[in-house]
Amino acid sequence: MIFILIREMYFKTIDANSQRWFNEKNMLTQNDLDKIEVIVEEKVDEKTKNLPTKDEFYKQTLKVLKKLDNLEESMDIVSSRQSEHSDQIEALEKIHP
């Protein structure tokens, strides 16, 4: 993606006569841009090699969401049981203060 931005800047600022990109004192040729592209791709590949693929990420996310859903259902069950027990305790306390 970075290379795409650089290439877009290059083509937007290209000099029609010399086919070079001017940056005040410096100039980049197409060969320079190709080298930059290779370096950027290598660095991005190196930095992202340990990241999961999109499919792996979605599978793991789905597992986590299922566990979260199960926990929420369990909390609902426990909450309703706790409420029933509290009602029973209050009823018994009224009978036997």
PDB file of N, CA and C in Angstrom:
ATOM      1  N   MET A   1       0.817  -1.190   0.000  1.00  0.00           N
ATOM      2  CA  MET A   1       0.000   0.000   0.000  1.00  0.00           C
ATOM      3  C   MET A   1       0.863   1.257   0.000  1.00  0.00           C
ATOM      4  N   ILE A   2       1.940   1.206   0.762  1.00  0.00           N
ATOM      5  CA  ILE A   2       2.827   2.355   0.806  1.00  0.00           C
ATOM      6  C   ILE A   2       3.387   2.622  -0.580  1.00  0.00           C
ATOM      7  N   PHE A   3       3.757   1.555  -1.265  1.00  0.00           N
ATOM      8  CA  PHE A   3       4.307   1.734  -2.605  1.00  0.00           C
ATOM      9  C   PHE A   3       3.284   2.356  -3.541  1.00  0.00           C
ATOM     10  N   ILE A   4       2.038   1.953  -3.397  1.00  0.00           N
ATOM     11  CA  ILE A   4       0.986   2.516  -4.247  1.00  0.00           C
ATOM     12  C   ILE A   4       0.903   4.023  -4.036  1.00  0.00           C
ATOM     13  N   LEU A   5       0.978   4.453  -2.770  1.00  0.00           N
ATOM     14  CA  LEU A   5       0.937   5.881  -2.487  1.00  0.00           C
ATOM     15  C   LEU A   5       2.137   6.589  -3.088  1.00  0.00           C
ATOM     16  N   ILE A   6       3.312   5.985  -2.958  1.00  0.00           N
ATOM     17  CA  ILE A   6       4.517   6.581  -3.528  1.00  0.00           C
ATOM     18  C   ILE A   6       4.386   6.660  -5.042  1.00  0.00           C
ATOM     19  N   ARG A   7       3.907   5.585  -5.652  1.00  0.00           N
ATOM     20  CA  ARG A   7       3.758   5.558  -7.108  1.00  0.00           C
ATOM     21  C   ARG A   7       2.740   6.614  -7.560  1.00  0.00           C
ATOM     22  N   GLU A   8       1.632   6.768  -6.793  1.00  0.00           N
ATOM     23  CA  GLU A   8       0.650   7.787  -7.145  1.00  0.00           C
ATOM     24  C   GLU A   8       1.260   9.183  -7.063  1.00  0.00           C
ATOM     25  N   MET A   9       2.034   9.433  -6.009  1.00  0.00           N
ATOM     26  CA  MET A   9       2.701  10.720  -5.893  1.00  0.00           C
ATOM     27  C   MET A   9       3.669  10.916  -7.059  1.00  0.00           C
ATOM     28  N   TYR A  10       4.337   9.849  -7.428  1.00  0.00           N
ATOM     29  CA  TYR A  10       5.294   9.917  -8.533  1.00  0.00           C
ATOM     30  C   TYR A  10       4.593  10.340  -9.822  1.00  0.00           C
ATOM     31  N   PHE A  11       3.497   9.669 -10.136  1.00  0.00           N
ATOM     32  CA  PHE A  11       2.826   9.973 -11.392  1.00  0.00           C
ATOM     33  C   PHE A  11       2.112  11.322 -11.352  1.00  0.00           C
ATOM     34  N   LYS A  12       1.740  11.783 -10.195  1.00  0.00           N
ATOM     35  CA  LYS A  12       1.110  13.096 -10.103  1.00  0.00           C
ATOM     36  C   LYS A  12       2.129  14.216 -10.280  1.00  0.00           C
ATOM     37  N   THR A  13       3.372  13.957  -9.916  1.00  0.00           N
ATOM     38  CA  THR A  13       4.375  15.013  -9.960  1.00  0.00           C
ATOM     39  C   THR A  13       5.441  14.755 -11.020  1.00  0.00           C
ATOM     40  N   ILE A  14       5.139  13.927 -11.982  1.00  0.00           N
ATOM     41  CA  ILE A  14       6.124  13.570 -12.997  1.00  0.00           C
ATOM     42  C   ILE A  14       6.367  14.742 -13.948  1.00  0.00           C
ATOM     43  N   ASP A  15       7.594  14.915 -14.312  1.00  0.00           N
ATOM     44  CA  ASP A  15       7.949  15.952 -15.267  1.00  0.00           C
ATOM     45  C   ASP A  15       7.870  15.328 -16.659  1.00  0.00           C
ATOM     46  N   ALA A  16       7.070  15.880 -17.540  1.00  0.00           N
ATOM     47  CA  ALA A  16       6.826  15.285 -18.853  1.00  0.00           C
ATOM     48  C   ALA A  16       8.094  15.200 -19.696  1.00  0.00           C
ATOM     49  N   ASN A  17       9.022  16.121 -19.520  1.00  0.00           N
ATOM     50  CA  ASN A  17      10.242  16.117 -20.322  1.00  0.00           C
ATOM     51  C   ASN A  17      11.257  15.084 -19.857  1.00  0.00           C
ATOM     52  N   SER A  18      11.468  14.979 -18.568  1.00  0.00           N
ATOM     53  CA  SER A  18      12.545  14.113 -18.077  1.00  0.00           C
ATOM     54  C   SER A  18      12.053  12.781 -17.521  1.00  0.00           C
ATOM     55  N   GLN A  19      10.742  12.623 -17.330  1.00  0.00           N
ATOM     56  CA  GLN A  19      10.162  11.409 -16.751  1.00  0.00           C
ATOM     57  C   GLN A  19      10.805  11.089 -15.398  1.00  0.00           C
ATOM     58  N   ARG A  20      11.032  12.115 -14.589  1.00  0.00           N
ATOM     59  CA  ARG A  20      11.605  11.944 -13.249  1.00  0.00           C
ATOM     60  C   ARG A  20      10.746  12.682 -12.229  1.00  0.00           C
ATOM     61  N   TRP A  21      10.827  12.186 -11.025  1.00  0.00           N
ATOM     62  CA  TRP A  21      10.059  12.772  -9.929  1.00  0.00           C
ATOM     63  C   TRP A  21      10.946  13.753  -9.195  1.00  0.00           C
ATOM     64  N   PHE A  22      10.495  15.011  -9.077  1.00  0.00           N
ATOM     65  CA  PHE A  22      11.311  16.036  -8.459  1.00  0.00           C
ATOM     66  C   PHE A  22      10.852  16.292  -7.031  1.00  0.00           C
ATOM     67  N   ASN A  23      11.805  16.334  -6.131  1.00  0.00           N
ATOM     68  CA  ASN A  23      11.551  16.641  -4.735  1.00  0.00           C
ATOM     69  C   ASN A  23      12.610  17.653  -4.320  1.00  0.00           C
ATOM     70  N   GLU A  24      12.392  18.885  -4.631  1.00  0.00           N
ATOM     71  CA  GLU A  24      13.323  19.981  -4.412  1.00  0.00           C
ATOM     72  C   GLU A  24      14.698  19.643  -4.992  1.00  0.00           C
ATOM     73  N   LYS A  25      15.623  19.046  -4.219  1.00  0.00           N
ATOM     74  CA  LYS A  25      16.978  18.794  -4.688  1.00  0.00           C
ATOM     75  C   LYS A  25      17.176  17.388  -5.232  1.00  0.00           C
ATOM     76  N   ASN A  26      16.317  16.469  -4.881  1.00  0.00           N
ATOM     77  CA  ASN A  26      16.501  15.062  -5.232  1.00  0.00           C
ATOM     78  C   ASN A  26      15.567  14.638  -6.362  1.00  0.00           C
ATOM     79  N   MET A  27      15.997  13.591  -7.066  1.00  0.00           N
ATOM     80  CA  MET A  27      15.154  13.032  -8.110  1.00  0.00           C
ATOM     81  C   MET A  27      15.103  11.522  -7.938  1.00  0.00           C
ATOM     82  N   LEU A  28      13.955  10.927  -8.170  1.00  0.00           N
ATOM     83  CA  LEU A  28      13.803   9.475  -8.133  1.00  0.00           C
ATOM     84  C   LEU A  28      13.487   8.990  -9.538  1.00  0.00           C
ATOM     85  N   THR A  29      14.216   7.988  -9.964  1.00  0.00           N
ATOM     86  CA  THR A  29      13.942   7.382 -11.264  1.00  0.00           C
ATOM     87  C   THR A  29      13.006   6.202 -11.070  1.00  0.00           C
ATOM     88  N   GLN A  30      12.558   5.628 -12.164  1.00  0.00           N
ATOM     89  CA  GLN A  30      11.702   4.445 -12.075  1.00  0.00           C
ATOM     90  C   GLN A  30      12.465   3.300 -11.406  1.00  0.00           C
ATOM     91  N   ASN A  31      13.744   3.198 -11.677  1.00  0.00           N
ATOM     92  CA  ASN A  31      14.575   2.163 -11.056  1.00  0.00           C
ATOM     93  C   ASN A  31      14.607   2.348  -9.536  1.00  0.00           C
ATOM     94  N   ASP A  32      14.719   3.600  -9.089  1.00  0.00           N
ATOM     95  CA  ASP A  32      14.690   3.884  -7.654  1.00  0.00           C
ATOM     96  C   ASP A  32      13.364   3.455  -7.040  1.00  0.00           C
ATOM     97  N   LEU A  33      12.293   3.773  -7.740  1.00  0.00           N
ATOM     98  CA  LEU A  33      10.970   3.394  -7.237  1.00  0.00           C
ATOM     99  C   LEU A  33      10.803   1.880  -7.176  1.00  0.00           C
ATOM    100  N   ASP A  34      11.348   1.169  -8.160  1.00  0.00           N
ATOM    101  CA  ASP A  34      11.288  -0.292  -8.144  1.00  0.00           C
ATOM    102  C   ASP A  34      12.049  -0.857  -6.950  1.00  0.00           C
ATOM    103  N   LYS A  35      13.209  -0.285  -6.652  1.00  0.00           N
ATOM    104  CA  LYS A  35      13.994  -0.727  -5.491  1.00  0.00           C
ATOM    105  C   LYS A  35      13.241  -0.452  -4.189  1.00  0.00           C
ATOM    106  N   ILE A  36      12.620   0.716  -4.122  1.00  0.00           N
ATOM    107  CA  ILE A  36      11.823   1.055  -2.931  1.00  0.00           C
ATOM    108  C   ILE A  36      10.686   0.058  -2.770  1.00  0.00           C
ATOM    109  N   GLU A  37      10.039  -0.291  -3.861  1.00  0.00           N
ATOM    110  CA  GLU A  37       8.938  -1.254  -3.816  1.00  0.00           C
ATOM    111  C   GLU A  37       9.408  -2.590  -3.245  1.00  0.00           C
ATOM    112  N   VAL A  38      10.557  -3.069  -3.699  1.00  0.00           N
ATOM    113  CA  VAL A  38      11.083  -4.353  -3.222  1.00  0.00           C
ATOM    114  C   VAL A  38      11.391  -4.273  -1.731  1.00  0.00           C
ATOM    115  N   ILE A  39      12.030  -3.198  -1.322  1.00  0.00           N
ATOM    116  CA  ILE A  39      12.395  -3.040   0.090  1.00  0.00           C
ATOM    117  C   ILE A  39      11.145  -2.968   0.962  1.00  0.00           C
ATOM    118  N   VAL A  40      10.166  -2.194   0.543  1.00  0.00           N
ATOM    119  CA  VAL A  40       8.929  -2.051   1.323  1.00  0.00           C
ATOM    120  C   VAL A  40       8.211  -3.390   1.419  1.00  0.00           C
ATOM    121  N   GLU A  41       8.106  -4.113   0.309  1.00  0.00           N
ATOM    122  CA  GLU A  41       7.438  -5.414   0.333  1.00  0.00           C
ATOM    123  C   GLU A  41       8.159  -6.382   1.269  1.00  0.00           C
ATOM    124  N   GLU A  42       9.490  -6.384   1.248  1.00  0.00           N
ATOM    125  CA  GLU A  42      10.258  -7.258   2.147  1.00  0.00           C
ATOM    126  C   GLU A  42       9.993  -6.899   3.601  1.00  0.00           C
ATOM    127  N   LYS A  43      10.002  -5.623   3.916  1.00  0.00           N
ATOM    128  CA  LYS A  43       9.776  -5.184   5.291  1.00  0.00           C
ATOM    129  C   LYS A  43       8.358  -5.523   5.755  1.00  0.00           C
ATOM    130  N   VAL A  44       7.384  -5.297   4.890  1.00  0.00           N
ATOM    131  CA  VAL A  44       5.994  -5.606   5.256  1.00  0.00           C
ATOM    132  C   VAL A  44       5.832  -7.109   5.456  1.00  0.00           C
ATOM    133  N   ASP A  45       6.415  -7.907   4.562  1.00  0.00           N
ATOM    134  CA  ASP A  45       6.339  -9.359   4.712  1.00  0.00           C
ATOM    135  C   ASP A  45       7.003  -9.816   6.009  1.00  0.00           C
ATOM    136  N   GLU A  46       8.131  -9.217   6.316  1.00  0.00           N
ATOM    137  CA  GLU A  46       8.850  -9.573   7.543  1.00  0.00           C
ATOM    138  C   GLU A  46       8.035  -9.228   8.782  1.00  0.00           C
ATOM    139  N   LYS A  47       7.416  -8.063   8.775  1.00  0.00           N
ATOM    140  CA  LYS A  47       6.647  -7.616   9.941  1.00  0.00           C
ATOM    141  C   LYS A  47       5.331  -8.378  10.103  1.00  0.00           C
ATOM    142  N   THR A  48       4.761  -8.861   9.011  1.00  0.00           N
ATOM    143  CA  THR A  48       3.442  -9.496   9.074  1.00  0.00           C
ATOM    144  C   THR A  48       3.492 -11.010   8.990  1.00  0.00           C
ATOM    145  N   LYS A  49       4.675 -11.609   8.960  1.00  0.00           N
ATOM    146  CA  LYS A  49       4.758 -13.058   8.768  1.00  0.00           C
ATOM    147  C   LYS A  49       4.154 -13.849   9.922  1.00  0.00           C
ATOM    148  N   ASN A  50       4.133 -13.291  11.121  1.00  0.00           N
ATOM    149  CA  ASN A  50       3.585 -14.003  12.276  1.00  0.00           C
ATOM    150  C   ASN A  50       2.098 -13.750  12.496  1.00  0.00           C
ATOM    151  N   LEU A  51       1.529 -12.880  11.689  1.00  0.00           N
ATOM    152  CA  LEU A  51       0.108 -12.596  11.833  1.00  0.00           C
ATOM    153  C   LEU A  51      -0.725 -13.704  11.197  1.00  0.00           C
ATOM    154  N   PRO A  52      -1.899 -13.975  11.767  1.00  0.00           N
ATOM    155  CA  PRO A  52      -2.754 -15.014  11.169  1.00  0.00           C
ATOM    156  C   PRO A  52      -3.355 -14.548   9.853  1.00  0.00           C
ATOM    157  N   THR A  53      -3.740 -15.514   9.056  1.00  0.00           N
ATOM    158  CA  THR A  53      -4.444 -15.171   7.821  1.00  0.00           C
ATOM    159  C   THR A  53      -5.843 -14.674   8.187  1.00  0.00           C
ATOM    160  N   LYS A  54      -6.535 -14.125   7.229  1.00  0.00           N
ATOM    161  CA  LYS A  54      -7.880 -13.622   7.479  1.00  0.00           C
ATOM    162  C   LYS A  54      -8.791 -14.755   7.945  1.00  0.00           C
ATOM    163  N   ASP A  55      -8.699 -15.921   7.296  1.00  0.00           N
ATOM    164  CA  ASP A  55      -9.540 -17.059   7.674  1.00  0.00           C
ATOM    165  C   ASP A  55      -9.223 -17.533   9.088  1.00  0.00           C
ATOM    166  N   GLU A  56      -7.939 -17.607   9.423  1.00  0.00           N
ATOM    167  CA  GLU A  56      -7.558 -18.024  10.780  1.00  0.00           C
ATOM    168  C   GLU A  56      -8.072 -17.027  11.815  1.00  0.00           C
ATOM    169  N   PHE A  57      -7.958 -15.758  11.496  1.00  0.00           N
ATOM    170  CA  PHE A  57      -8.441 -14.724  12.408  1.00  0.00           C
ATOM    171  C   PHE A  57      -9.939 -14.857  12.641  1.00  0.00           C
ATOM    172  N   TYR A  58     -10.704 -15.042  11.556  1.00  0.00           N
ATOM    173  CA  TYR A  58     -12.158 -15.162  11.694  1.00  0.00           C
ATOM    174  C   TYR A  58     -12.553 -16.428  12.443  1.00  0.00           C
ATOM    175  N   LYS A  59     -11.826 -17.528  12.234  1.00  0.00           N
ATOM    176  CA  LYS A  59     -12.125 -18.761  12.971  1.00  0.00           C
ATOM    177  C   LYS A  59     -11.914 -18.554  14.466  1.00  0.00           C
ATOM    178  N   GLN A  60     -10.792 -17.925  14.835  1.00  0.00           N
ATOM    179  CA  GLN A  60     -10.522 -17.672  16.244  1.00  0.00           C
ATOM    180  C   GLN A  60     -11.538 -16.702  16.843  1.00  0.00           C
ATOM    181  N   THR A  61     -11.891 -15.696  16.086  1.00  0.00           N
ATOM    182  CA  THR A  61     -12.882 -14.727  16.555  1.00  0.00           C
ATOM    183  C   THR A  61     -14.228 -15.399  16.764  1.00  0.00           C
ATOM    184  N   LEU A  62     -14.603 -16.282  15.855  1.00  0.00           N
ATOM    185  CA  LEU A  62     -15.861 -17.003  15.978  1.00  0.00           C
ATOM    186  C   LEU A  62     -15.866 -17.871  17.239  1.00  0.00           C
ATOM    187  N   LYS A  63     -14.750 -18.535  17.526  1.00  0.00           N
ATOM    188  CA  LYS A  63     -14.656 -19.346  18.745  1.00  0.00           C
ATOM    189  C   LYS A  63     -14.848 -18.483  19.989  1.00  0.00           C
ATOM    190  N   VAL A  64     -14.199 -17.339  20.008  1.00  0.00           N
ATOM    191  CA  VAL A  64     -14.307 -16.443  21.160  1.00  0.00           C
ATOM    192  C   VAL A  64     -15.738 -15.937  21.310  1.00  0.00           C
ATOM    193  N   LEU A  65     -16.369 -15.583  20.210  1.00  0.00           N
ATOM    194  CA  LEU A  65     -17.743 -15.096  20.277  1.00  0.00           C
ATOM    195  C   LEU A  65     -18.709 -16.179  20.744  1.00  0.00           C
ATOM    196  N   LYS A  66     -18.481 -17.422  20.319  1.00  0.00           N
ATOM    197  CA  LYS A  66     -19.325 -18.526  20.788  1.00  0.00           C
ATOM    198  C   LYS A  66     -19.168 -18.716  22.285  1.00  0.00           C
ATOM    199  N   LYS A  67     -17.916 -18.655  22.770  1.00  0.00           N
ATOM    200  CA  LYS A  67     -17.686 -18.796  24.212  1.00  0.00           C
ATOM    201  C   LYS A  67     -18.351 -17.660  24.977  1.00  0.00           C
ATOM    202  N   LEU A  68     -18.266 -16.465  24.441  1.00  0.00           N
ATOM    203  CA  LEU A  68     -18.910 -15.327  25.084  1.00  0.00           C
ATOM    204  C   LEU A  68     -20.422 -15.515  25.137  1.00  0.00           C
ATOM    205  N   ASP A  69     -21.000 -15.995  24.052  1.00  0.00           N
ATOM    206  CA  ASP A  69     -22.437 -16.258  24.010  1.00  0.00           C
ATOM    207  C   ASP A  69     -22.821 -17.315  25.044  1.00  0.00           C
ATOM    208  N   ASN A  70     -22.023 -18.370  25.146  1.00  0.00           N
ATOM    209  CA  ASN A  70     -22.287 -19.416  26.141  1.00  0.00           C
ATOM    210  C   ASN A  70     -22.201 -18.854  27.558  1.00  0.00           C
ATOM    211  N   LEU A  71     -21.226 -17.988  27.813  1.00  0.00           N
ATOM    212  CA  LEU A  71     -21.108 -17.376  29.128  1.00  0.00           C
ATOM    213  C   LEU A  71     -22.309 -16.494  29.454  1.00  0.00           C
ATOM    214  N   GLU A  72     -22.772 -15.757  28.475  1.00  0.00           N
ATOM    215  CA  GLU A  72     -23.950 -14.908  28.701  1.00  0.00           C
ATOM    216  C   GLU A  72     -25.180 -15.749  29.008  1.00  0.00           C
ATOM    217  N   GLU A  73     -25.343 -16.872  28.301  1.00  0.00           N
ATOM    218  CA  GLU A  73     -26.466 -17.770  28.585  1.00  0.00           C
ATOM    219  C   GLU A  73     -26.343 -18.353  29.988  1.00  0.00           C
ATOM    220  N   SER A  74     -25.141 -18.740  30.364  1.00  0.00           N
ATOM    221  CA  SER A  74     -24.919 -19.281  31.705  1.00  0.00           C
ATOM    222  C   SER A  74     -25.225 -18.240  32.767  1.00  0.00           C
ATOM    223  N   MET A  75     -24.822 -17.002  32.510  1.00  0.00           N
ATOM    224  CA  MET A  75     -25.103 -15.930  33.469  1.00  0.00           C
ATOM    225  C   MET A  75     -26.604 -15.713  33.618  1.00  0.00           C
ATOM    226  N   ASP A  76     -27.335 -15.807  32.533  1.00  0.00           N
ATOM    227  CA  ASP A  76     -28.787 -15.659  32.600  1.00  0.00           C
ATOM    228  C   ASP A  76     -29.400 -16.774  33.449  1.00  0.00           C
ATOM    229  N   ILE A  77     -28.936 -17.993  33.254  1.00  0.00           N
ATOM    230  CA  ILE A  77     -29.451 -19.131  34.021  1.00  0.00           C
ATOM    231  C   ILE A  77     -29.131 -18.963  35.502  1.00  0.00           C
ATOM    232  N   VAL A  78     -27.882 -18.621  35.794  1.00  0.00           N
ATOM    233  CA  VAL A  78     -27.475 -18.442  37.192  1.00  0.00           C
ATOM    234  C   VAL A  78     -28.240 -17.295  37.823  1.00  0.00           C
ATOM    235  N   SER A  79     -28.426 -16.225  37.080  1.00  0.00           N
ATOM    236  CA  SER A  79     -29.147 -15.073  37.612  1.00  0.00           C
ATOM    237  C   SER A  79     -30.589 -15.430  37.949  1.00  0.00           C
ATOM    238  N   SER A  80     -31.257 -16.190  37.071  1.00  0.00           N
ATOM    239  CA  SER A  80     -32.647 -16.559  37.353  1.00  0.00           C
ATOM    240  C   SER A  80     -32.724 -17.519  38.538  1.00  0.00           C
ATOM    241  N   ARG A  81     -31.765 -18.429  38.641  1.00  0.00           N
ATOM    242  CA  ARG A  81     -31.753 -19.344  39.795  1.00  0.00           C
ATOM    243  C   ARG A  81     -31.508 -18.573  41.084  1.00  0.00           C
ATOM    244  N   GLN A  82     -30.598 -17.626  41.036  1.00  0.00           N
ATOM    245  CA  GLN A  82     -30.304 -16.829  42.223  1.00  0.00           C
ATOM    246  C   GLN A  82     -31.538 -16.041  42.638  1.00  0.00           C
ATOM    247  N   SER A  83     -32.257 -15.521  41.669  1.00  0.00           N
ATOM    248  CA  SER A  83     -33.477 -14.774  41.966  1.00  0.00           C
ATOM    249  C   SER A  83     -34.524 -15.686  42.612  1.00  0.00           C
ATOM    250  N   GLU A  84     -34.676 -16.902  42.072  1.00  0.00           N
ATOM    251  CA  GLU A  84     -35.627 -17.857  42.649  1.00  0.00           C
ATOM    252  C   GLU A  84     -35.233 -18.206  44.080  1.00  0.00           C
ATOM    253  N   HIS A  85     -33.956 -18.422  44.319  1.00  0.00           N
ATOM    254  CA  HIS A  85     -33.488 -18.781  45.658  1.00  0.00           C
ATOM    255  C   HIS A  85     -33.707 -17.617  46.628  1.00  0.00           C
ATOM    256  N   SER A  86     -33.457 -16.399  46.154  1.00  0.00           N
ATOM    257  CA  SER A  86     -33.696 -15.232  47.019  1.00  0.00           C
ATOM    258  C   SER A  86     -35.164 -15.142  47.392  1.00  0.00           C
ATOM    259  N   ASP A  87     -36.051 -15.379  46.440  1.00  0.00           N
ATOM    260  CA  ASP A  87     -37.485 -15.352  46.732  1.00  0.00           C
ATOM    261  C   ASP A  87     -37.860 -16.427  47.752  1.00  0.00           C
ATOM    262  N   GLN A  88     -37.282 -17.616  47.592  1.00  0.00           N
ATOM    263  CA  GLN A  88     -37.573 -18.705  48.533  1.00  0.00           C
ATOM    264  C   GLN A  88     -37.061 -18.363  49.934  1.00  0.00           C
ATOM    265  N   ILE A  89     -35.879 -17.765  50.011  1.00  0.00           N
ATOM    266  CA  ILE A  89     -35.321 -17.402  51.306  1.00  0.00           C
ATOM    267  C   ILE A  89     -36.183 -16.341  51.971  1.00  0.00           C
ATOM    268  N   GLU A  90     -36.630 -15.339  51.208  1.00  0.00           N
ATOM    269  CA  GLU A  90     -37.495 -14.295  51.770  1.00  0.00           C
ATOM    270  C   GLU A  90     -38.808 -14.894  52.277  1.00  0.00           C
ATOM    271  N   ALA A  91     -39.354 -15.845  51.524  1.00  0.00           N
ATOM    272  CA  ALA A  91     -40.605 -16.498  51.962  1.00  0.00           C
ATOM    273  C   ALA A  91     -40.375 -17.267  53.247  1.00  0.00           C
ATOM    274  N   LEU A  92     -39.269 -17.963  53.359  1.00  0.00           N
ATOM    275  CA  LEU A  92     -38.971 -18.710  54.589  1.00  0.00           C
ATOM    276  C   LEU A  92     -38.711 -17.770  55.758  1.00  0.00           C
ATOM    277  N   GLU A  93     -38.073 -16.648  55.502  1.00  0.00           N
ATOM    278  CA  GLU A  93     -37.794 -15.684  56.576  1.00  0.00           C
ATOM    279  C   GLU A  93     -39.087 -15.061  57.111  1.00  0.00           C
ATOM    280  N   LYS A  94     -40.096 -14.927  56.228  1.00  0.00           N
ATOM    281  CA  LYS A  94     -41.387 -14.393  56.692  1.00  0.00           C
ATOM    282  C   LYS A  94     -42.079 -15.408  57.605  1.00  0.00           C
ATOM    283  N   ILE A  95     -41.927 -16.695  57.260  1.00  0.00           N
ATOM    284  CA  ILE A  95     -42.552 -17.738  58.077  1.00  0.00           C
ATOM    285  C   ILE A  95     -41.809 -17.905  59.406  1.00  0.00           C
ATOM    286  N   HIS A  96     -40.493 -17.936  59.334  1.00  0.00           N
ATOM    287  CA  HIS A  96     -39.644 -18.150  60.509  1.00  0.00           C
ATOM    288  C   HIS A  96     -38.705 -16.951  60.687  1.00  0.00           C
ATOM    289  N   PRO A  97     -39.167 -15.918  61.331  1.00  0.00           N
ATOM    290  CA  PRO A  97     -38.306 -14.723  61.496  1.00  0.00           C
ATOM    291  C   PRO A  97     -37.111 -14.916  62.386  1.00  0.00           C
TER     292      PRO A  97
END
